[in-house]
Amino acid sequence: MKKIIYLLAVMAFLSSACKKSGTFPEPNPTPTIPTTPTPTSYPLPAAAKDGVVFINGGTSAIVTLYAPSKTSVYVIGDFSNWQTLPANQLKLAPDNNTWWVQIDGLRSQHRICLSIYG
């Protein structure tokens, strides 16, 4: 019986000694949105059209999107492990409304999607 009381006393001491105020996460943490640099204007390639245009025998694609007032746009997919990578950020055309990027090294089974911010 003495051992049980001693054990409970040690457990109570350790549980109170390990608590530190402010170390627990907030109940509703605020998600962080990736920050992107201010886009520079890039002229559209000659082959670009609204949507997706495949070039180089289907191994490359030019993705074009009309998206006024957006701060950044990324093309993501299984080719990028569904991550927003700097190489796949769409470039802003001189009209400041159209975004585009050329993706190289595609295969027919790749799936793509757009991630739009702003």
Protein backbone atom coordinates (compact mmCIF):
# COMPACT_ATOMS: atom_id res chain seq x y z
CA MET A 1 0.00 0.00 0.00
CA LYS A 2 2.91 2.28 0.83
CA LYS A 3 4.36 1.68 -2.67
CA ILE A 4 1.07 2.69 -4.34
CA ILE A 5 0.88 5.95 -2.40
CA TYR A 6 4.53 6.67 -3.21
CA LEU A 7 3.93 5.91 -6.91
CA LEU A 8 0.86 8.19 -7.03
CA ALA A 9 2.82 11.00 -5.35
CA VAL A 10 5.66 10.70 -7.90
CA MET A 11 3.19 10.67 -10.82
CA ALA A 12 1.40 13.75 -9.48
CA PHE A 13 4.73 15.57 -9.07
CA LEU A 14 5.91 14.67 -12.59
CA SER A 15 2.64 15.61 -14.27
CA SER A 16 2.60 19.04 -12.61
CA ALA A 17 6.31 19.64 -13.23
CA CYS A 18 6.05 18.90 -16.99
CA LYS A 19 3.31 21.40 -17.76
CA LYS A 20 4.48 24.69 -19.23
CA SER A 21 2.10 27.46 -20.11
CA GLY A 22 1.97 28.48 -23.76
CA THR A 23 3.40 25.28 -25.19
CA PHE A 24 0.14 23.85 -26.47
CA PRO A 25 -1.12 24.77 -29.96
CA GLU A 26 -3.94 27.22 -30.41
CA PRO A 27 -7.40 25.63 -30.59
CA ASN A 28 -7.94 27.12 -34.08
CA PRO A 29 -4.54 27.61 -35.73
CA THR A 30 -4.39 29.96 -38.71
CA PRO A 31 -3.18 28.23 -41.90
CA THR A 32 -0.29 29.86 -43.74
CA ILE A 33 -0.63 30.55 -47.44
CA PRO A 34 2.58 30.30 -49.46
CA THR A 35 3.97 33.72 -50.31
CA THR A 36 4.97 34.29 -53.89
CA PRO A 37 7.09 37.04 -55.38
CA THR A 38 5.42 39.78 -57.41
CA PRO A 39 5.11 38.35 -60.92
CA THR A 40 7.05 39.80 -63.83
CA SER A 41 5.39 40.22 -67.22
CA TYR A 42 6.33 37.64 -69.87
CA PRO A 43 5.06 37.66 -73.48
CA LEU A 44 2.85 34.74 -74.49
CA PRO A 45 4.48 32.12 -76.74
CA ALA A 46 3.26 32.11 -80.34
CA ALA A 47 1.61 28.68 -79.92
CA ALA A 48 -0.34 29.67 -76.76
CA LYS A 49 -4.14 29.56 -76.83
CA ASP A 50 -6.74 29.55 -74.04
CA GLY A 51 -6.48 26.30 -72.10
CA VAL A 52 -3.85 23.68 -72.87
CA VAL A 53 -1.90 23.34 -76.11
CA PHE A 54 0.34 20.30 -76.57
CA ILE A 55 3.56 20.83 -78.50
CA ASN A 56 6.75 18.86 -79.21
CA GLY A 57 4.85 15.71 -80.10
CA GLY A 58 2.74 15.85 -76.94
CA THR A 59 5.66 15.83 -74.49
CA SER A 60 5.27 19.55 -73.69
CA ALA A 61 2.23 21.66 -72.95
CA ILE A 62 1.54 25.38 -72.77
CA VAL A 63 -1.10 26.03 -70.12
CA THR A 64 -2.87 29.39 -70.43
CA LEU A 65 -5.48 30.82 -68.07
CA TYR A 66 -7.39 34.11 -68.14
CA ALA A 67 -7.48 35.07 -64.45
CA PRO A 68 -7.62 38.81 -63.80
CA SER A 69 -6.77 40.10 -60.29
CA LYS A 70 -5.08 36.85 -59.20
CA THR A 71 -1.77 37.02 -57.34
CA SER A 72 -0.31 33.71 -58.51
CA VAL A 73 -1.26 30.54 -60.35
CA TYR A 74 0.49 27.16 -60.34
CA VAL A 75 0.02 24.04 -62.43
CA ILE A 76 0.24 20.99 -60.19
CA GLY A 77 -0.19 17.29 -60.81
CA ASP A 78 1.23 13.86 -60.31
CA PHE A 79 4.32 15.00 -62.25
CA SER A 80 5.06 17.45 -59.36
CA ASN A 81 3.75 15.22 -56.56
CA TRP A 82 0.81 17.67 -56.31
CA GLN A 83 3.14 20.38 -54.94
CA THR A 84 3.31 24.06 -55.94
CA LEU A 85 6.85 24.29 -57.30
CA PRO A 86 8.48 27.54 -58.51
CA ALA A 87 9.21 25.95 -61.89
CA ASN A 88 5.47 25.37 -62.39
CA GLN A 89 4.29 28.86 -61.46
CA LEU A 90 2.45 30.45 -64.36
CA LYS A 91 3.95 33.64 -65.78
CA LEU A 92 1.87 36.79 -66.11
CA ALA A 93 1.40 38.02 -69.68
CA PRO A 94 1.72 41.74 -70.55
CA ASP A 95 -2.08 42.21 -70.40
CA ASN A 96 -1.85 41.52 -66.61
CA ASN A 97 -4.85 39.17 -66.89
CA THR A 98 -3.50 36.07 -68.64
CA TRP A 99 -1.23 33.54 -66.96
CA TRP A 100 0.81 30.90 -68.80
CA VAL A 101 3.54 28.28 -68.35
CA GLN A 102 5.22 25.68 -70.54
CA ILE A 103 5.58 22.25 -68.94
CA ASP A 104 8.12 19.91 -70.55
CA GLY A 105 8.71 16.18 -70.15
CA LEU A 106 5.06 15.14 -69.91
CA ARG A 107 3.77 11.65 -70.52
CA SER A 108 0.25 10.74 -71.59
CA GLN A 109 -0.70 9.41 -68.15
CA HIS A 110 0.11 12.67 -66.28
CA ARG A 111 -2.79 14.46 -64.60
CA ILE A 112 -2.68 18.21 -64.03
CA CYS A 113 -4.68 20.79 -62.10
CA LEU A 114 -4.43 24.53 -61.44
CA SER A 115 -3.84 26.05 -58.00
CA ILE A 116 -5.03 29.69 -58.02
CA TYR A 117 -4.25 32.26 -55.30
CA GLY A 118 -5.72 35.70 -54.74
